[in-house]
Amino acid sequence: MKSKVQAKDLRGNETAELERTLLKLQEDLFQHRLKHNTNQIENTMVIRTTRRDIARVCTVLAEKSRQAAVTAAKEK
């Protein structure tokens, strides 16, 4: 089983890399849901952990966005 994504590890990544990670996680979630609906998935907890990983990545992206807005406002 894949280990969960840590937010502290994500904060060091670039925005583009985070967006690629988000897309990969969303594709994984789609595949897990598809397997769940066709009764091919053994561990249904992977759906929950993938959703939470997506939330972590979105949170870090929002933090970076807010930080960029604050620095842009200070420069004016």
C-alpha atoms as a PDB file:
ATOM      1  CA  MET A   1       0.000   0.000   0.000  1.00  0.00           C
ATOM      2  CA  LYS A   2       1.188   3.467  -0.864  1.00  0.00           C
ATOM      3  CA  SER A   3       2.076   5.761   2.014  1.00  0.00           C
ATOM      4  CA  LYS A   4       0.202   8.999   2.364  1.00  0.00           C
ATOM      5  CA  VAL A   5       1.541  12.290   1.112  1.00  0.00           C
ATOM      6  CA  GLN A   6       2.905  14.546   3.850  1.00  0.00           C
ATOM      7  CA  ALA A   7       2.050  18.247   3.663  1.00  0.00           C
ATOM      8  CA  LYS A   8       5.494  19.244   4.938  1.00  0.00           C
ATOM      9  CA  ASP A   9       7.053  17.354   2.013  1.00  0.00           C
ATOM     10  CA  LEU A  10       4.734  19.061  -0.460  1.00  0.00           C
ATOM     11  CA  ARG A  11       5.569  22.579   0.704  1.00  0.00           C
ATOM     12  CA  GLY A  12       9.067  22.291  -0.774  1.00  0.00           C
ATOM     13  CA  ASN A  13       7.742  21.527  -4.266  1.00  0.00           C
ATOM     14  CA  GLU A  14       7.130  23.967  -7.087  1.00  0.00           C
ATOM     15  CA  THR A  15       3.574  24.888  -8.078  1.00  0.00           C
ATOM     16  CA  ALA A  16       3.845  23.107 -11.437  1.00  0.00           C
ATOM     17  CA  GLU A  17       4.993  19.915  -9.733  1.00  0.00           C
ATOM     18  CA  LEU A  18       2.109  20.134  -7.266  1.00  0.00           C
ATOM     19  CA  GLU A  19      -0.349  20.502 -10.136  1.00  0.00           C
ATOM     20  CA  ARG A  20       1.125  17.402 -11.822  1.00  0.00           C
ATOM     21  CA  THR A  21       0.820  15.532  -8.526  1.00  0.00           C
ATOM     22  CA  LEU A  22      -2.798  16.646  -8.224  1.00  0.00           C
ATOM     23  CA  LEU A  23      -3.628  15.399 -11.718  1.00  0.00           C
ATOM     24  CA  LYS A  24      -1.955  12.049 -10.999  1.00  0.00           C
ATOM     25  CA  LEU A  25      -3.903  11.656  -7.754  1.00  0.00           C
ATOM     26  CA  GLN A  26      -7.174  12.515  -9.482  1.00  0.00           C
ATOM     27  CA  GLU A  27      -6.482   9.882 -12.138  1.00  0.00           C
ATOM     28  CA  ASP A  28      -5.668   7.364  -9.413  1.00  0.00           C
ATOM     29  CA  LEU A  29      -8.924   8.195  -7.630  1.00  0.00           C
ATOM     30  CA  PHE A  30     -10.857   7.635 -10.849  1.00  0.00           C
ATOM     31  CA  GLN A  31      -9.203   4.245 -11.311  1.00  0.00           C
ATOM     32  CA  HIS A  32      -9.887   3.251  -7.692  1.00  0.00           C
ATOM     33  CA  ARG A  33     -13.554   4.216  -8.006  1.00  0.00           C
ATOM     34  CA  LEU A  34     -13.835   2.303 -11.263  1.00  0.00           C
ATOM     35  CA  LYS A  35     -12.352  -0.801  -9.646  1.00  0.00           C
ATOM     36  CA  HIS A  36     -14.644  -0.349  -6.650  1.00  0.00           C
ATOM     37  CA  ASN A  37     -17.729  -0.218  -8.859  1.00  0.00           C
ATOM     38  CA  THR A  38     -16.686  -3.360 -10.712  1.00  0.00           C
ATOM     39  CA  ASN A  39     -15.832  -5.174  -7.452  1.00  0.00           C
ATOM     40  CA  GLN A  40     -12.152  -5.520  -8.363  1.00  0.00           C
ATOM     41  CA  ILE A  41     -10.659  -3.503  -5.507  1.00  0.00           C
ATOM     42  CA  GLU A  42      -9.429  -5.363  -2.464  1.00  0.00           C
ATOM     43  CA  ASN A  43      -8.731  -2.476  -0.093  1.00  0.00           C
ATOM     44  CA  THR A  44     -11.352   0.269  -0.213  1.00  0.00           C
ATOM     45  CA  MET A  45      -9.292   2.456   2.118  1.00  0.00           C
ATOM     46  CA  VAL A  46      -7.190   3.545  -0.867  1.00  0.00           C
ATOM     47  CA  ILE A  47     -10.136   5.671  -2.018  1.00  0.00           C
ATOM     48  CA  ARG A  48     -10.205   7.522   1.285  1.00  0.00           C
ATOM     49  CA  THR A  49      -6.439   8.019   1.441  1.00  0.00           C
ATOM     50  CA  THR A  50      -6.327   9.237  -2.154  1.00  0.00           C
ATOM     51  CA  ARG A  51      -9.088  11.762  -1.459  1.00  0.00           C
ATOM     52  CA  ARG A  52      -7.182  13.006   1.577  1.00  0.00           C
ATOM     53  CA  ASP A  53      -3.946  13.242  -0.415  1.00  0.00           C
ATOM     54  CA  ILE A  54      -5.791  15.345  -2.994  1.00  0.00           C
ATOM     55  CA  ALA A  55      -7.004  17.614  -0.204  1.00  0.00           C
ATOM     56  CA  ARG A  56      -3.448  17.994   1.114  1.00  0.00           C
ATOM     57  CA  VAL A  57      -2.120  18.968  -2.302  1.00  0.00           C
ATOM     58  CA  CYS A  58      -4.975  21.457  -2.791  1.00  0.00           C
ATOM     59  CA  THR A  59      -4.267  22.966   0.623  1.00  0.00           C
ATOM     60  CA  VAL A  60      -0.586  23.497  -0.179  1.00  0.00           C
ATOM     61  CA  LEU A  61      -1.494  25.001  -3.561  1.00  0.00           C
ATOM     62  CA  ALA A  62      -3.874  27.417  -1.832  1.00  0.00           C
ATOM     63  CA  GLU A  63      -1.178  28.363   0.684  1.00  0.00           C
ATOM     64  CA  LYS A  64       1.275  29.090  -2.124  1.00  0.00           C
ATOM     65  CA  SER A  65      -1.359  31.139  -3.952  1.00  0.00           C
ATOM     66  CA  ARG A  66      -2.116  33.213  -0.864  1.00  0.00           C
ATOM     67  CA  GLN A  67       1.584  33.726  -0.197  1.00  0.00           C
ATOM     68  CA  ALA A  68       2.146  34.913  -3.771  1.00  0.00           C
ATOM     69  CA  ALA A  69      -0.746  37.373  -3.430  1.00  0.00           C
ATOM     70  CA  VAL A  70       0.671  38.739  -0.181  1.00  0.00           C
ATOM     71  CA  THR A  71       4.146  39.248  -1.644  1.00  0.00           C
ATOM     72  CA  ALA A  72       2.668  40.903  -4.740  1.00  0.00           C
ATOM     73  CA  ALA A  73       0.658  43.273  -2.558  1.00  0.00           C
ATOM     74  CA  LYS A  74       3.737  44.198  -0.526  1.00  0.00           C
ATOM     75  CA  GLU A  75       5.679  45.043  -3.678  1.00  0.00           C
ATOM     76  CA  LYS A  76       3.137  47.676  -4.730  1.00  0.00           C
END
